[in-house]
Amino acid sequence: MRRFTQAEVDEVAPRLRTPQEALAWALGELHPRIAKASSLGAEDSVIIHMMAAIRRDVRLITLDTGRLNEETYAMMATMEKRYGVRFEVVYPDAREVSDMVNARGINLFYESVENRVMCCGVRKVDPLRRALAGLDAWITGIRSEQTENRRGASVLEIDARNGGILKVNPLVSWTRDDVWSFIRENGIPYHPLLDRGYRSIGCEPCTRAVPEGGGERDGRWWWEGGAGGKECGLHMEHGA
């Protein structure tokens, strides 16, 4: 298994000046032990488009939490048809979901932050950790302007939460306008909920449209109050 040191990351990262350069380096250096994790959001559409121009035999992972919008499944099929790729659908452990729901209720996440974090852990964080086990790297669509936590992110990071594998964030320096300009210029398919005021794509009960001018994450877990930017646990500890 390949594990990068921080010195190696610091040496390589400055050479990766564009998302395409970051992806070409990562796929050339680490294929096939690298995967793209996708929620089918706008950033994911951009990255899949870029990856397909480099090679089609990439590993794409998506988490089916059991609470997704129907439009997300349709978007998965659209991307597979357009780019000739195949998503590996990762599911939570059925017993863990059953035990959690039977103990705390089907919509437990509305009751407390503790419950919401537990649900995200069972349905998203733990399944992704299992899917990434044995890999050398994974690719995300995070951008530094999305949340305060993500401001410390960089194009290459050592992901201590997932066994020290490399985390590649090719769009980290892009703005929302950069993403949408690229989508329109290249005729890239994107999730239909994004035309209905959604800023991010998550579970159906936990994600909603936001008013014009709203923050990138304001539609996530809105009942908890406070500023937008809450995390499910997949992306933490940037710059640590």
C-alpha atoms as a PDB file:
ATOM      1  CA  MET A   1       0.000   0.000   0.000  1.00  0.00           C
ATOM      2  CA  ARG A   2       1.230   3.495  -0.852  1.00  0.00           C
ATOM      3  CA  ARG A   3       1.286   6.057   1.931  1.00  0.00           C
ATOM      4  CA  PHE A   4       2.533   9.571   1.324  1.00  0.00           C
ATOM      5  CA  THR A   5       4.479  11.601   3.838  1.00  0.00           C
ATOM      6  CA  GLN A   6       3.650  15.250   4.427  1.00  0.00           C
ATOM      7  CA  ALA A   7       6.983  16.144   2.828  1.00  0.00           C
ATOM      8  CA  GLU A   8       5.977  14.309  -0.349  1.00  0.00           C
ATOM      9  CA  VAL A   9       2.590  16.038  -0.383  1.00  0.00           C
ATOM     10  CA  ASP A  10       4.264  19.417   0.069  1.00  0.00           C
ATOM     11  CA  GLU A  11       6.580  18.685  -2.839  1.00  0.00           C
ATOM     12  CA  VAL A  12       3.910  17.507  -5.294  1.00  0.00           C
ATOM     13  CA  ALA A  13       0.961  19.811  -4.513  1.00  0.00           C
ATOM     14  CA  PRO A  14       2.439  23.092  -5.844  1.00  0.00           C
ATOM     15  CA  ARG A  15       2.895  21.477  -9.267  1.00  0.00           C
ATOM     16  CA  LEU A  16      -0.831  20.730  -9.565  1.00  0.00           C
ATOM     17  CA  ARG A  17      -2.083  24.092 -10.764  1.00  0.00           C
ATOM     18  CA  THR A  18      -5.446  23.052 -12.226  1.00  0.00           C
ATOM     19  CA  PRO A  19      -8.057  20.394 -11.391  1.00  0.00           C
ATOM     20  CA  GLN A  20      -7.157  18.548 -14.574  1.00  0.00           C
ATOM     21  CA  GLU A  21      -3.494  18.440 -13.579  1.00  0.00           C
ATOM     22  CA  ALA A  22      -4.397  17.155 -10.116  1.00  0.00           C
ATOM     23  CA  LEU A  23      -6.596  14.406 -11.545  1.00  0.00           C
ATOM     24  CA  ALA A  24      -4.083  13.419 -14.238  1.00  0.00           C
ATOM     25  CA  TRP A  25      -1.351  13.130 -11.607  1.00  0.00           C
ATOM     26  CA  ALA A  26      -3.530  11.181  -9.157  1.00  0.00           C
ATOM     27  CA  LEU A  27      -4.913   8.756 -11.735  1.00  0.00           C
ATOM     28  CA  GLY A  28      -1.500   8.268 -13.319  1.00  0.00           C
ATOM     29  CA  GLU A  29       0.279   7.766 -10.014  1.00  0.00           C
ATOM     30  CA  LEU A  30      -2.304   5.771  -8.063  1.00  0.00           C
ATOM     31  CA  HIS A  31      -4.659   3.965 -10.448  1.00  0.00           C
ATOM     32  CA  PRO A  32      -6.261   1.487  -9.783  1.00  0.00           C
ATOM     33  CA  ARG A  33      -6.007   1.988  -6.000  1.00  0.00           C
ATOM     34  CA  ILE A  34      -7.884   5.271  -6.058  1.00  0.00           C
ATOM     35  CA  ALA A  35     -11.607   6.045  -6.082  1.00  0.00           C
ATOM     36  CA  LYS A  36     -13.860   9.057  -6.553  1.00  0.00           C
ATOM     37  CA  ALA A  37     -16.573   9.375  -3.902  1.00  0.00           C
ATOM     38  CA  SER A  38     -19.662  11.064  -5.328  1.00  0.00           C
ATOM     39  CA  SER A  39     -22.972  12.402  -4.017  1.00  0.00           C
ATOM     40  CA  LEU A  40     -23.928  13.406  -7.583  1.00  0.00           C
ATOM     41  CA  GLY A  41     -23.618  17.120  -6.821  1.00  0.00           C
ATOM     42  CA  ALA A  42     -22.451  19.788  -9.271  1.00  0.00           C
ATOM     43  CA  GLU A  43     -18.800  19.377  -8.314  1.00  0.00           C
ATOM     44  CA  ASP A  44     -19.057  15.627  -8.874  1.00  0.00           C
ATOM     45  CA  SER A  45     -20.430  16.178 -12.385  1.00  0.00           C
ATOM     46  CA  VAL A  46     -17.432  18.383 -13.182  1.00  0.00           C
ATOM     47  CA  ILE A  47     -14.878  15.925 -11.797  1.00  0.00           C
ATOM     48  CA  ILE A  48     -16.413  12.890 -13.508  1.00  0.00           C
ATOM     49  CA  HIS A  49     -16.361  14.807 -16.792  1.00  0.00           C
ATOM     50  CA  MET A  50     -12.672  15.609 -16.274  1.00  0.00           C
ATOM     51  CA  MET A  51     -11.818  12.066 -15.190  1.00  0.00           C
ATOM     52  CA  ALA A  52     -13.554  10.517 -18.188  1.00  0.00           C
ATOM     53  CA  ALA A  53     -11.330  12.591 -20.461  1.00  0.00           C
ATOM     54  CA  ILE A  54      -8.299  10.985 -18.809  1.00  0.00           C
ATOM     55  CA  ARG A  55      -9.533   7.390 -18.495  1.00  0.00           C
ATOM     56  CA  ARG A  56     -12.873   5.586 -18.252  1.00  0.00           C
ATOM     57  CA  ASP A  57     -11.800   2.703 -16.025  1.00  0.00           C
ATOM     58  CA  VAL A  58     -12.047   4.750 -12.845  1.00  0.00           C
ATOM     59  CA  ARG A  59     -13.635   3.594  -9.629  1.00  0.00           C
ATOM     60  CA  LEU A  60     -16.671   5.667  -8.647  1.00  0.00           C
ATOM     61  CA  ILE A  61     -18.246   5.181  -5.222  1.00  0.00           C
ATOM     62  CA  THR A  62     -21.603   6.527  -4.119  1.00  0.00           C
ATOM     63  CA  LEU A  63     -23.313   6.023  -0.777  1.00  0.00           C
ATOM     64  CA  ASP A  64     -26.920   4.865  -0.831  1.00  0.00           C
ATOM     65  CA  THR A  65     -28.036   5.780   2.666  1.00  0.00           C
ATOM     66  CA  GLY A  66     -31.558   4.475   2.102  1.00  0.00           C
ATOM     67  CA  ARG A  67     -32.921   8.039   2.367  1.00  0.00           C
ATOM     68  CA  LEU A  68     -31.902   9.563  -0.993  1.00  0.00           C
ATOM     69  CA  ASN A  69     -34.089  11.554  -3.389  1.00  0.00           C
ATOM     70  CA  GLU A  70     -35.383   9.694  -6.423  1.00  0.00           C
ATOM     71  CA  GLU A  71     -33.665  12.315  -8.573  1.00  0.00           C
ATOM     72  CA  THR A  72     -30.309  11.143  -7.243  1.00  0.00           C
ATOM     73  CA  TYR A  73     -30.833   7.633  -8.581  1.00  0.00           C
ATOM     74  CA  ALA A  74     -31.873   9.049 -11.940  1.00  0.00           C
ATOM     75  CA  MET A  75     -28.770  11.246 -12.002  1.00  0.00           C
ATOM     76  CA  MET A  76     -26.571   8.226 -11.369  1.00  0.00           C
ATOM     77  CA  ALA A  77     -28.035   6.511 -14.428  1.00  0.00           C
ATOM     78  CA  THR A  78     -27.602   9.674 -16.498  1.00  0.00           C
ATOM     79  CA  MET A  79     -23.904   9.931 -15.682  1.00  0.00           C
ATOM     80  CA  GLU A  80     -23.292   6.250 -16.342  1.00  0.00           C
ATOM     81  CA  LYS A  81     -24.894   6.517 -19.780  1.00  0.00           C
ATOM     82  CA  ARG A  82     -23.177   9.785 -20.690  1.00  0.00           C
ATOM     83  CA  TYR A  83     -19.639   8.824 -19.685  1.00  0.00           C
ATOM     84  CA  GLY A  84     -19.609   5.033 -19.944  1.00  0.00           C
ATOM     85  CA  VAL A  85     -18.752   4.658 -16.254  1.00  0.00           C
ATOM     86  CA  ARG A  86     -20.268   2.550 -13.500  1.00  0.00           C
ATOM     87  CA  PHE A  87     -20.968   3.555  -9.925  1.00  0.00           C
ATOM     88  CA  GLU A  88     -20.155   1.188  -7.109  1.00  0.00           C
ATOM     89  CA  VAL A  89     -23.104   1.667  -4.751  1.00  0.00           C
ATOM     90  CA  VAL A  90     -22.143   1.296  -1.107  1.00  0.00           C
ATOM     91  CA  TYR A  91     -24.821   0.559   1.489  1.00  0.00           C
ATOM     92  CA  PRO A  92     -24.806   0.870   5.275  1.00  0.00           C
ATOM     93  CA  ASP A  93     -24.779  -2.232   7.424  1.00  0.00           C
ATOM     94  CA  ALA A  94     -28.401  -3.390   7.561  1.00  0.00           C
ATOM     95  CA  ARG A  95     -28.187  -4.584  11.164  1.00  0.00           C
ATOM     96  CA  GLU A  96     -26.696  -1.280  12.319  1.00  0.00           C
ATOM     97  CA  VAL A  97     -29.468   0.672  10.596  1.00  0.00           C
ATOM     98  CA  SER A  98     -32.135  -1.620  12.036  1.00  0.00           C
ATOM     99  CA  ASP A  99     -30.761  -1.389  15.571  1.00  0.00           C
ATOM    100  CA  MET A 100     -30.477   2.397  15.364  1.00  0.00           C
ATOM    101  CA  VAL A 101     -33.975   2.960  13.961  1.00  0.00           C
ATOM    102  CA  ASN A 102     -35.625   0.513  16.350  1.00  0.00           C
ATOM    103  CA  ALA A 103     -33.914   2.146  19.312  1.00  0.00           C
ATOM    104  CA  ARG A 104     -34.314   5.825  18.366  1.00  0.00           C
ATOM    105  CA  GLY A 105     -37.001   6.082  15.673  1.00  0.00           C
ATOM    106  CA  ILE A 106     -37.142   6.332  11.892  1.00  0.00           C
ATOM    107  CA  ASN A 107     -36.519  10.102  11.886  1.00  0.00           C
ATOM    108  CA  LEU A 108     -34.203  10.165  14.886  1.00  0.00           C
ATOM    109  CA  PHE A 109     -32.016  12.889  13.351  1.00  0.00           C
ATOM    110  CA  TYR A 110     -34.646  15.561  14.034  1.00  0.00           C
ATOM    111  CA  GLU A 111     -34.523  14.881  17.776  1.00  0.00           C
ATOM    112  CA  SER A 112     -30.960  15.920  18.638  1.00  0.00           C
ATOM    113  CA  VAL A 113     -27.550  16.677  17.182  1.00  0.00           C
ATOM    114  CA  GLU A 114     -26.298  13.497  18.823  1.00  0.00           C
ATOM    115  CA  ASN A 115     -28.891  11.456  16.935  1.00  0.00           C
ATOM    116  CA  ARG A 116     -28.152  13.211  13.653  1.00  0.00           C
ATOM    117  CA  VAL A 117     -24.422  12.571  13.977  1.00  0.00           C
ATOM    118  CA  MET A 118     -25.159   8.934  14.820  1.00  0.00           C
ATOM    119  CA  CYS A 119     -27.351   8.557  11.740  1.00  0.00           C
ATOM    120  CA  CYS A 120     -24.713  10.132   9.491  1.00  0.00           C
ATOM    121  CA  GLY A 121     -22.140   7.820  11.016  1.00  0.00           C
ATOM    122  CA  VAL A 122     -24.146   4.657  10.410  1.00  0.00           C
ATOM    123  CA  ARG A 123     -25.450   5.582   6.964  1.00  0.00           C
ATOM    124  CA  LYS A 124     -22.479   7.490   5.507  1.00  0.00           C
ATOM    125  CA  VAL A 125     -19.224   7.705   7.459  1.00  0.00           C
ATOM    126  CA  ASP A 126     -18.808   4.038   8.361  1.00  0.00           C
ATOM    127  CA  PRO A 127     -19.794   2.736   4.893  1.00  0.00           C
ATOM    128  CA  LEU A 128     -17.349   5.095   3.209  1.00  0.00           C
ATOM    129  CA  ARG A 129     -14.573   4.061   5.582  1.00  0.00           C
ATOM    130  CA  ARG A 130     -15.209   0.416   4.685  1.00  0.00           C
ATOM    131  CA  ALA A 131     -15.246   1.255   0.954  1.00  0.00           C
ATOM    132  CA  LEU A 132     -11.934   3.112   1.171  1.00  0.00           C
ATOM    133  CA  ALA A 133     -10.179   0.393   3.163  1.00  0.00           C
ATOM    134  CA  GLY A 134      -7.260  -0.938   1.164  1.00  0.00           C
ATOM    135  CA  LEU A 135      -7.068   2.041  -1.204  1.00  0.00           C
ATOM    136  CA  ASP A 136      -4.173   4.450  -1.509  1.00  0.00           C
ATOM    137  CA  ALA A 137      -6.258   7.569  -2.216  1.00  0.00           C
ATOM    138  CA  TRP A 138      -9.701   9.013  -2.788  1.00  0.00           C
ATOM    139  CA  ILE A 139     -10.987  12.001  -4.744  1.00  0.00           C
ATOM    140  CA  THR A 140     -13.549  14.470  -3.405  1.00  0.00           C
ATOM    141  CA  GLY A 141     -15.458  17.461  -4.732  1.00  0.00           C
ATOM    142  CA  ILE A 142     -14.981  19.753  -1.739  1.00  0.00           C
ATOM    143  CA  ARG A 143     -14.188  23.448  -2.222  1.00  0.00           C
ATOM    144  CA  SER A 144     -12.605  25.685   0.373  1.00  0.00           C
ATOM    145  CA  GLU A 145     -15.359  28.320   0.195  1.00  0.00           C
ATOM    146  CA  GLN A 146     -18.141  25.861   1.076  1.00  0.00           C
ATOM    147  CA  THR A 147     -17.708  25.918   4.866  1.00  0.00           C
ATOM    148  CA  GLU A 148     -15.452  27.393   7.497  1.00  0.00           C
ATOM    149  CA  ASN A 149     -14.067  23.925   8.205  1.00  0.00           C
ATOM    150  CA  ARG A 150     -13.121  23.444   4.556  1.00  0.00           C
ATOM    151  CA  ARG A 151     -11.162  26.702   4.338  1.00  0.00           C
ATOM    152  CA  GLY A 152      -8.139  24.791   5.555  1.00  0.00           C
ATOM    153  CA  ALA A 153      -8.375  22.168   2.818  1.00  0.00           C
ATOM    154  CA  SER A 154      -5.706  21.798   0.143  1.00  0.00           C
ATOM    155  CA  VAL A 155      -5.439  19.977  -3.162  1.00  0.00           C
ATOM    156  CA  LEU A 156      -3.626  17.054  -1.512  1.00  0.00           C
ATOM    157  CA  GLU A 157      -4.100  15.985   2.094  1.00  0.00           C
ATOM    158  CA  ILE A 158      -3.176  13.018   4.225  1.00  0.00           C
ATOM    159  CA  ASP A 159      -6.486  11.653   5.500  1.00  0.00           C
ATOM    160  CA  ALA A 160      -5.851  10.444   9.031  1.00  0.00           C
ATOM    161  CA  ARG A 161      -9.552   9.563   9.446  1.00  0.00           C
ATOM    162  CA  ASN A 162      -9.233   6.941   6.720  1.00  0.00           C
ATOM    163  CA  GLY A 163      -5.998   5.169   7.503  1.00  0.00           C
ATOM    164  CA  GLY A 164      -3.608   7.852   6.282  1.00  0.00           C
ATOM    165  CA  ILE A 165      -4.541   7.508   2.613  1.00  0.00           C
ATOM    166  CA  LEU A 166      -4.178  10.464   0.264  1.00  0.00           C
ATOM    167  CA  LYS A 167      -7.178  12.748  -0.189  1.00  0.00           C
ATOM    168  CA  VAL A 168      -7.306  14.580  -3.523  1.00  0.00           C
ATOM    169  CA  ASN A 169      -9.450  17.737  -3.708  1.00  0.00           C
ATOM    170  CA  PRO A 170      -9.052  18.957  -7.309  1.00  0.00           C
ATOM    171  CA  LEU A 171     -11.673  21.741  -7.069  1.00  0.00           C
ATOM    172  CA  VAL A 172     -10.539  23.060  -3.685  1.00  0.00           C
ATOM    173  CA  SER A 173      -9.690  26.541  -5.018  1.00  0.00           C
ATOM    174  CA  TRP A 174     -12.705  26.878  -7.337  1.00  0.00           C
ATOM    175  CA  THR A 175     -15.677  29.098  -6.595  1.00  0.00           C
ATOM    176  CA  ARG A 176     -19.304  28.169  -7.156  1.00  0.00           C
ATOM    177  CA  ASP A 177     -19.251  30.361 -10.265  1.00  0.00           C
ATOM    178  CA  ASP A 178     -16.231  28.441 -11.570  1.00  0.00           C
ATOM    179  CA  VAL A 179     -18.149  25.186 -11.214  1.00  0.00           C
ATOM    180  CA  TRP A 180     -21.247  26.414 -13.025  1.00  0.00           C
ATOM    181  CA  SER A 181     -19.282  28.131 -15.779  1.00  0.00           C
ATOM    182  CA  PHE A 182     -17.487  24.857 -16.494  1.00  0.00           C
ATOM    183  CA  ILE A 183     -20.757  22.902 -16.489  1.00  0.00           C
ATOM    184  CA  ARG A 184     -22.402  25.281 -18.962  1.00  0.00           C
ATOM    185  CA  GLU A 185     -19.373  25.622 -21.217  1.00  0.00           C
ATOM    186  CA  ASN A 186     -19.050  21.845 -21.548  1.00  0.00           C
ATOM    187  CA  GLY A 187     -22.729  20.829 -21.568  1.00  0.00           C
ATOM    188  CA  ILE A 188     -22.279  18.607 -18.516  1.00  0.00           C
ATOM    189  CA  PRO A 189     -25.344  16.894 -16.985  1.00  0.00           C
ATOM    190  CA  TYR A 190     -26.129  17.984 -13.429  1.00  0.00           C
ATOM    191  CA  HIS A 191     -28.532  17.001 -10.675  1.00  0.00           C
ATOM    192  CA  PRO A 192     -32.053  18.378 -11.338  1.00  0.00           C
ATOM    193  CA  LEU A 193     -32.535  19.482  -7.722  1.00  0.00           C
ATOM    194  CA  LEU A 194     -29.835  22.090  -8.290  1.00  0.00           C
ATOM    195  CA  ASP A 195     -32.293  23.944 -10.529  1.00  0.00           C
ATOM    196  CA  ARG A 196     -34.781  23.970  -7.649  1.00  0.00           C
ATOM    197  CA  GLY A 197     -32.706  25.936  -5.175  1.00  0.00           C
ATOM    198  CA  TYR A 198     -30.609  23.135  -3.693  1.00  0.00           C
ATOM    199  CA  ARG A 199     -26.957  24.028  -3.070  1.00  0.00           C
ATOM    200  CA  SER A 200     -25.826  20.520  -2.130  1.00  0.00           C
ATOM    201  CA  ILE A 201     -27.131  16.978  -2.504  1.00  0.00           C
ATOM    202  CA  GLY A 202     -27.697  14.780   0.543  1.00  0.00           C
ATOM    203  CA  CYS A 203     -30.405  12.677   2.141  1.00  0.00           C
ATOM    204  CA  GLU A 204     -33.975  13.678   1.312  1.00  0.00           C
ATOM    205  CA  PRO A 205     -35.150  14.396   4.899  1.00  0.00           C
ATOM    206  CA  CYS A 206     -31.999  16.355   5.737  1.00  0.00           C
ATOM    207  CA  THR A 207     -31.537  18.561   2.666  1.00  0.00           C
ATOM    208  CA  ARG A 208     -33.715  21.327   1.266  1.00  0.00           C
ATOM    209  CA  ALA A 209     -33.602  24.273  -1.107  1.00  0.00           C
ATOM    210  CA  VAL A 210     -32.188  27.556   0.178  1.00  0.00           C
ATOM    211  CA  PRO A 211     -33.227  31.125  -0.658  1.00  0.00           C
ATOM    212  CA  GLU A 212     -31.334  33.072  -3.298  1.00  0.00           C
ATOM    213  CA  GLY A 213     -28.053  34.201  -1.818  1.00  0.00           C
ATOM    214  CA  GLY A 214     -28.039  31.441   0.805  1.00  0.00           C
ATOM    215  CA  GLY A 215     -24.892  29.671   1.908  1.00  0.00           C
ATOM    216  CA  GLU A 216     -23.451  26.540   0.343  1.00  0.00           C
ATOM    217  CA  ARG A 217     -24.563  24.325   3.236  1.00  0.00           C
ATOM    218  CA  ASP A 218     -27.590  26.230   4.550  1.00  0.00           C
ATOM    219  CA  GLY A 219     -29.918  23.534   3.251  1.00  0.00           C
ATOM    220  CA  ARG A 220     -28.332  20.817   5.368  1.00  0.00           C
ATOM    221  CA  TRP A 221     -29.730  19.971   8.844  1.00  0.00           C
ATOM    222  CA  TRP A 222     -31.358  23.403   8.985  1.00  0.00           C
ATOM    223  CA  TRP A 223     -33.365  22.574  12.125  1.00  0.00           C
ATOM    224  CA  GLU A 224     -30.164  22.568  14.189  1.00  0.00           C
ATOM    225  CA  GLY A 225     -29.858  26.338  13.762  1.00  0.00           C
ATOM    226  CA  GLY A 226     -26.640  28.297  13.642  1.00  0.00           C
ATOM    227  CA  ALA A 227     -24.648  29.225  10.583  1.00  0.00           C
ATOM    228  CA  GLY A 228     -24.518  26.926   7.579  1.00  0.00           C
ATOM    229  CA  GLY A 229     -21.458  24.727   7.338  1.00  0.00           C
ATOM    230  CA  LYS A 230     -22.280  21.710   9.479  1.00  0.00           C
ATOM    231  CA  GLU A 231     -20.604  18.472   8.426  1.00  0.00           C
ATOM    232  CA  CYS A 232     -21.749  14.868   8.409  1.00  0.00           C
ATOM    233  CA  GLY A 233     -18.273  13.626   9.291  1.00  0.00           C
ATOM    234  CA  LEU A 234     -16.927  12.661   5.880  1.00  0.00           C
ATOM    235  CA  HIS A 235     -14.759  15.788   5.605  1.00  0.00           C
ATOM    236  CA  MET A 236     -13.055  17.005   8.762  1.00  0.00           C
ATOM    237  CA  GLU A 237      -9.707  18.123  10.181  1.00  0.00           C
ATOM    238  CA  HIS A 238      -8.464  20.077   7.162  1.00  0.00           C
ATOM    239  CA  GLY A 239      -5.161  21.720   7.832  1.00  0.00           C
ATOM    240  CA  ALA A 240      -4.728  19.789  11.072  1.00  0.00           C
END
